[in-house]
Amino acid sequence: MGARSVLQEADISRALTRIAHEILESNRGAENLVLLGIPTRGVALAQRLEQLVSSIAQQAVPTGSLDVTLFRDDLAQHPTRSPRPTDIPAGGIDGKTVVLVDDVLFSGRSIRAALDAIQSIGRPAVIRLAILIDRGHRELPIRPDFVGKNIPSSRAERVNVRLREYDGAEEVTIEA
């Protein structure tokens, strides 16, 4: 069976706009806010959210990336994973509200690794989680604060997020 489309470009754009508004409402503005994308697609999503949040709040929001490779608990099973650069914005994360941004939340293991990575860098006041797709099947007690779309799926299915920055296309599909 082939892939079925669950989100198109307009749907992704709407979801990100809603998440941007929710982040600002939750934080009561853009003050002391930092967005950190988890490579790969989380970085592009964080950059898009930065543009939306900055536009709505009329205030720049520091945005960077957080590589979690060396903090993963499955590194021994995937030794070919190579770390990507971590880019923490000037001003750091201490005392800030950090919003982690990723494309798909599945088991929660990448987010656990991200929490460990953040703790090795600094001490934010609050850490929030923004996810484009929540597909369930959590193995750890991790819950997103901001969700673009909940997509129930079986463990056997694969959720594919394609973004024009990396894939030249803009869609979310599920394939069996």
C-alpha atoms as a PDB file:
ATOM      1  CA  MET A   1       0.000   0.000   0.000  1.00  0.00           C
ATOM      2  CA  GLY A   2       1.317   3.467  -0.874  1.00  0.00           C
ATOM      3  CA  ALA A   3       1.605   6.587   1.180  1.00  0.00           C
ATOM      4  CA  ARG A   4      -1.516   8.558   1.995  1.00  0.00           C
ATOM      5  CA  SER A   5      -1.341  12.291   2.465  1.00  0.00           C
ATOM      6  CA  VAL A   6      -2.523  13.665   5.806  1.00  0.00           C
ATOM      7  CA  LEU A   7      -1.293  17.288   5.587  1.00  0.00           C
ATOM      8  CA  GLN A   8      -0.603  19.521   2.617  1.00  0.00           C
ATOM      9  CA  GLU A   9       1.333  22.809   2.477  1.00  0.00           C
ATOM     10  CA  ALA A  10      -1.637  24.958   3.566  1.00  0.00           C
ATOM     11  CA  ASP A  11      -2.358  22.603   6.495  1.00  0.00           C
ATOM     12  CA  ILE A  12       1.257  22.783   7.702  1.00  0.00           C
ATOM     13  CA  SER A  13       1.218  26.564   7.429  1.00  0.00           C
ATOM     14  CA  ARG A  14      -2.034  26.814   9.429  1.00  0.00           C
ATOM     15  CA  ALA A  15      -0.703  24.448  12.101  1.00  0.00           C
ATOM     16  CA  LEU A  16       2.498  26.480  12.512  1.00  0.00           C
ATOM     17  CA  THR A  17       0.563  29.748  12.696  1.00  0.00           C
ATOM     18  CA  ARG A  18      -1.642  28.291  15.442  1.00  0.00           C
ATOM     19  CA  ILE A  19       1.404  26.985  17.329  1.00  0.00           C
ATOM     20  CA  ALA A  20       3.052  30.444  17.087  1.00  0.00           C
ATOM     21  CA  HIS A  21      -0.023  32.079  18.638  1.00  0.00           C
ATOM     22  CA  GLU A  22      -0.181  29.410  21.366  1.00  0.00           C
ATOM     23  CA  ILE A  23       3.507  29.901  22.215  1.00  0.00           C
ATOM     24  CA  LEU A  24       3.006  33.658  22.573  1.00  0.00           C
ATOM     25  CA  GLU A  25      -0.153  33.226  24.636  1.00  0.00           C
ATOM     26  CA  SER A  26       1.486  30.655  26.924  1.00  0.00           C
ATOM     27  CA  ASN A  27       4.592  32.831  27.378  1.00  0.00           C
ATOM     28  CA  ARG A  28       2.593  36.098  27.601  1.00  0.00           C
ATOM     29  CA  GLY A  29       4.613  37.547  24.737  1.00  0.00           C
ATOM     30  CA  ALA A  30       8.042  36.991  23.228  1.00  0.00           C
ATOM     31  CA  GLU A  31      10.106  38.208  26.190  1.00  0.00           C
ATOM     32  CA  ASN A  32      12.807  35.725  27.312  1.00  0.00           C
ATOM     33  CA  LEU A  33      11.723  33.214  24.662  1.00  0.00           C
ATOM     34  CA  VAL A  34      14.217  30.978  22.804  1.00  0.00           C
ATOM     35  CA  LEU A  35      13.309  28.487  20.059  1.00  0.00           C
ATOM     36  CA  LEU A  36      15.577  25.458  19.537  1.00  0.00           C
ATOM     37  CA  GLY A  37      14.988  23.110  16.611  1.00  0.00           C
ATOM     38  CA  ILE A  38      16.050  19.476  16.768  1.00  0.00           C
ATOM     39  CA  PRO A  39      17.834  18.467  13.528  1.00  0.00           C
ATOM     40  CA  THR A  40      16.907  17.883  10.882  1.00  0.00           C
ATOM     41  CA  ARG A  41      13.388  19.095  10.166  1.00  0.00           C
ATOM     42  CA  GLY A  42      12.875  20.592  13.608  1.00  0.00           C
ATOM     43  CA  VAL A  43      15.424  23.264  12.687  1.00  0.00           C
ATOM     44  CA  ALA A  44      13.423  24.402   9.644  1.00  0.00           C
ATOM     45  CA  LEU A  45      10.212  24.344  11.689  1.00  0.00           C
ATOM     46  CA  ALA A  46      11.853  26.416  14.452  1.00  0.00           C
ATOM     47  CA  GLN A  47      12.995  28.970  11.859  1.00  0.00           C
ATOM     48  CA  ARG A  48       9.470  29.186  10.450  1.00  0.00           C
ATOM     49  CA  LEU A  49       8.024  29.571  13.947  1.00  0.00           C
ATOM     50  CA  GLU A  50      10.573  32.304  14.652  1.00  0.00           C
ATOM     51  CA  GLN A  51       9.352  34.260  11.631  1.00  0.00           C
ATOM     52  CA  LEU A  52       5.713  33.847  12.677  1.00  0.00           C
ATOM     53  CA  VAL A  53       6.261  34.624  16.377  1.00  0.00           C
ATOM     54  CA  SER A  54       8.485  37.627  15.592  1.00  0.00           C
ATOM     55  CA  SER A  55       5.929  38.958  13.121  1.00  0.00           C
ATOM     56  CA  ILE A  56       3.016  38.587  15.545  1.00  0.00           C
ATOM     57  CA  ALA A  57       4.892  39.947  18.586  1.00  0.00           C
ATOM     58  CA  GLN A  58       6.830  42.599  16.626  1.00  0.00           C
ATOM     59  CA  GLN A  59       9.925  41.410  18.456  1.00  0.00           C
ATOM     60  CA  ALA A  60      12.855  39.224  17.381  1.00  0.00           C
ATOM     61  CA  VAL A  61      13.029  35.783  18.970  1.00  0.00           C
ATOM     62  CA  PRO A  62      16.423  34.070  19.347  1.00  0.00           C
ATOM     63  CA  THR A  63      16.406  30.775  17.466  1.00  0.00           C
ATOM     64  CA  GLY A  64      18.951  28.005  17.162  1.00  0.00           C
ATOM     65  CA  SER A  65      19.427  24.268  16.906  1.00  0.00           C
ATOM     66  CA  LEU A  66      20.105  21.542  19.446  1.00  0.00           C
ATOM     67  CA  ASP A  67      21.833  18.357  18.333  1.00  0.00           C
ATOM     68  CA  VAL A  68      20.863  15.396  20.522  1.00  0.00           C
ATOM     69  CA  THR A  69      22.924  12.664  18.833  1.00  0.00           C
ATOM     70  CA  LEU A  70      25.438  12.101  21.630  1.00  0.00           C
ATOM     71  CA  PHE A  71      22.663  12.088  24.255  1.00  0.00           C
ATOM     72  CA  ARG A  72      20.575   9.361  22.591  1.00  0.00           C
ATOM     73  CA  ASP A  73      20.124   6.023  24.357  1.00  0.00           C
ATOM     74  CA  ASP A  74      20.212   4.105  21.055  1.00  0.00           C
ATOM     75  CA  LEU A  75      23.599   5.337  19.829  1.00  0.00           C
ATOM     76  CA  ALA A  76      25.068   1.829  20.154  1.00  0.00           C
ATOM     77  CA  GLN A  77      22.372   0.465  17.803  1.00  0.00           C
ATOM     78  CA  HIS A  78      22.997   3.289  15.276  1.00  0.00           C
ATOM     79  CA  PRO A  79      26.756   3.990  15.455  1.00  0.00           C
ATOM     80  CA  THR A  80      26.771   5.693  12.034  1.00  0.00           C
ATOM     81  CA  ARG A  81      24.780   8.671  13.310  1.00  0.00           C
ATOM     82  CA  SER A  82      26.954  11.731  13.040  1.00  0.00           C
ATOM     83  CA  PRO A  83      26.481  14.761  15.264  1.00  0.00           C
ATOM     84  CA  ARG A  84      25.323  18.045  13.758  1.00  0.00           C
ATOM     85  CA  PRO A  85      26.313  21.421  15.122  1.00  0.00           C
ATOM     86  CA  THR A  86      24.410  22.817  18.084  1.00  0.00           C
ATOM     87  CA  ASP A  87      23.719  26.530  17.674  1.00  0.00           C
ATOM     88  CA  ILE A  88      22.646  28.265  20.883  1.00  0.00           C
ATOM     89  CA  PRO A  89      21.655  31.907  20.247  1.00  0.00           C
ATOM     90  CA  ALA A  90      23.644  34.752  21.807  1.00  0.00           C
ATOM     91  CA  GLY A  91      22.344  35.365  25.295  1.00  0.00           C
ATOM     92  CA  GLY A  92      22.118  31.624  25.968  1.00  0.00           C
ATOM     93  CA  ILE A  93      19.238  29.794  27.593  1.00  0.00           C
ATOM     94  CA  ASP A  94      19.738  30.425  31.313  1.00  0.00           C
ATOM     95  CA  GLY A  95      16.552  31.748  32.882  1.00  0.00           C
ATOM     96  CA  LYS A  96      14.727  31.704  29.525  1.00  0.00           C
ATOM     97  CA  THR A  97      11.651  29.887  28.268  1.00  0.00           C
ATOM     98  CA  VAL A  98      13.059  27.375  25.795  1.00  0.00           C
ATOM     99  CA  VAL A  99      10.701  25.874  23.232  1.00  0.00           C
ATOM    100  CA  LEU A 100      12.057  22.678  21.698  1.00  0.00           C
ATOM    101  CA  VAL A 101      10.753  22.190  18.156  1.00  0.00           C
ATOM    102  CA  ASP A 102      10.614  18.879  16.279  1.00  0.00           C
ATOM    103  CA  ASP A 103       8.667  17.404  13.403  1.00  0.00           C
ATOM    104  CA  VAL A 104       7.308  14.102  14.797  1.00  0.00           C
ATOM    105  CA  LEU A 105       6.836  12.901  18.365  1.00  0.00           C
ATOM    106  CA  PHE A 106       6.802   9.124  18.555  1.00  0.00           C
ATOM    107  CA  SER A 107       8.466   7.242  21.438  1.00  0.00           C
ATOM    108  CA  GLY A 108       9.724  10.385  23.201  1.00  0.00           C
ATOM    109  CA  ARG A 109      13.354   9.220  23.211  1.00  0.00           C
ATOM    110  CA  SER A 110      14.646  12.102  21.060  1.00  0.00           C
ATOM    111  CA  ILE A 111      12.999  14.587  23.400  1.00  0.00           C
ATOM    112  CA  ARG A 112      14.508  12.854  26.448  1.00  0.00           C
ATOM    113  CA  ALA A 113      17.903  13.205  24.749  1.00  0.00           C
ATOM    114  CA  ALA A 114      17.128  16.879  24.044  1.00  0.00           C
ATOM    115  CA  LEU A 115      16.342  17.485  27.723  1.00  0.00           C
ATOM    116  CA  ASP A 116      19.704  15.975  28.664  1.00  0.00           C
ATOM    117  CA  ALA A 117      21.453  18.090  26.009  1.00  0.00           C
ATOM    118  CA  ILE A 118      19.816  21.282  27.310  1.00  0.00           C
ATOM    119  CA  GLN A 119      20.852  20.502  30.883  1.00  0.00           C
ATOM    120  CA  SER A 120      24.464  20.195  29.697  1.00  0.00           C
ATOM    121  CA  ILE A 121      24.296  23.714  28.193  1.00  0.00           C
ATOM    122  CA  GLY A 122      22.454  25.746  30.787  1.00  0.00           C
ATOM    123  CA  ARG A 123      19.472  26.103  33.059  1.00  0.00           C
ATOM    124  CA  PRO A 124      16.343  27.466  31.418  1.00  0.00           C
ATOM    125  CA  ALA A 125      13.458  28.708  33.556  1.00  0.00           C
ATOM    126  CA  VAL A 126      11.008  26.536  31.587  1.00  0.00           C
ATOM    127  CA  ILE A 127      11.242  24.028  28.743  1.00  0.00           C
ATOM    128  CA  ARG A 128       8.259  23.598  26.429  1.00  0.00           C
ATOM    129  CA  LEU A 129       7.770  21.249  23.469  1.00  0.00           C
ATOM    130  CA  ALA A 130       6.297  22.155  20.077  1.00  0.00           C
ATOM    131  CA  ILE A 131       5.634  19.285  17.672  1.00  0.00           C
ATOM    132  CA  LEU A 132       4.184  19.339  14.159  1.00  0.00           C
ATOM    133  CA  ILE A 133       2.919  15.720  14.338  1.00  0.00           C
ATOM    134  CA  ASP A 134       2.115  13.710  17.467  1.00  0.00           C
ATOM    135  CA  ARG A 135       1.648  10.090  16.451  1.00  0.00           C
ATOM    136  CA  GLY A 136       1.397   8.534  19.911  1.00  0.00           C
ATOM    137  CA  HIS A 137       3.150   5.331  21.069  1.00  0.00           C
ATOM    138  CA  ARG A 138       5.109   7.038  23.845  1.00  0.00           C
ATOM    139  CA  GLU A 139       7.676   4.936  25.678  1.00  0.00           C
ATOM    140  CA  LEU A 140       8.503   7.753  28.107  1.00  0.00           C
ATOM    141  CA  PRO A 141       6.241  10.138  30.047  1.00  0.00           C
ATOM    142  CA  ILE A 142       6.682  13.034  27.613  1.00  0.00           C
ATOM    143  CA  ARG A 143       3.825  15.208  26.392  1.00  0.00           C
ATOM    144  CA  PRO A 144       3.998  18.115  23.942  1.00  0.00           C
ATOM    145  CA  ASP A 145       2.784  21.574  24.937  1.00  0.00           C
ATOM    146  CA  PHE A 146       2.002  22.648  21.357  1.00  0.00           C
ATOM    147  CA  VAL A 147       0.824  20.204  18.656  1.00  0.00           C
ATOM    148  CA  GLY A 148       0.157  20.861  14.988  1.00  0.00           C
ATOM    149  CA  LYS A 149      -1.812  17.657  14.460  1.00  0.00           C
ATOM    150  CA  ASN A 150      -2.441  14.403  16.316  1.00  0.00           C
ATOM    151  CA  ILE A 151      -2.224  11.531  13.852  1.00  0.00           C
ATOM    152  CA  PRO A 152      -3.071   8.145  15.332  1.00  0.00           C
ATOM    153  CA  SER A 153      -0.908   5.519  13.655  1.00  0.00           C
ATOM    154  CA  SER A 154       0.171   1.958  14.173  1.00  0.00           C
ATOM    155  CA  ARG A 155       3.746   1.137  15.097  1.00  0.00           C
ATOM    156  CA  ALA A 156       4.119  -0.510  11.683  1.00  0.00           C
ATOM    157  CA  GLU A 157       3.261   2.712   9.844  1.00  0.00           C
ATOM    158  CA  ARG A 158       5.800   5.373   8.963  1.00  0.00           C
ATOM    159  CA  VAL A 159       5.028   9.094   9.198  1.00  0.00           C
ATOM    160  CA  ASN A 160       6.991  11.151   6.658  1.00  0.00           C
ATOM    161  CA  VAL A 161       7.339  14.906   7.021  1.00  0.00           C
ATOM    162  CA  ARG A 162       8.594  16.586   3.867  1.00  0.00           C
ATOM    163  CA  LEU A 163       9.605  20.236   3.997  1.00  0.00           C
ATOM    164  CA  ARG A 164      10.676  22.312   1.027  1.00  0.00           C
ATOM    165  CA  GLU A 165      13.943  23.295   2.782  1.00  0.00           C
ATOM    166  CA  TYR A 166      15.127  19.668   2.682  1.00  0.00           C
ATOM    167  CA  ASP A 167      12.846  17.743   0.350  1.00  0.00           C
ATOM    168  CA  GLY A 168      11.597  20.252  -2.214  1.00  0.00           C
ATOM    169  CA  ALA A 169       8.034  19.310  -1.245  1.00  0.00           C
ATOM    170  CA  GLU A 170       5.680  20.236   1.566  1.00  0.00           C
ATOM    171  CA  GLU A 171       3.500  17.458   2.991  1.00  0.00           C
ATOM    172  CA  VAL A 172       3.004  14.866   5.691  1.00  0.00           C
ATOM    173  CA  THR A 173       2.233  11.311   4.616  1.00  0.00           C
ATOM    174  CA  ILE A 174       1.662   7.961   6.312  1.00  0.00           C
ATOM    175  CA  GLU A 175       2.755   4.724   4.715  1.00  0.00           C
ATOM    176  CA  ALA A 176       2.220   1.167   5.872  1.00  0.00           C
END
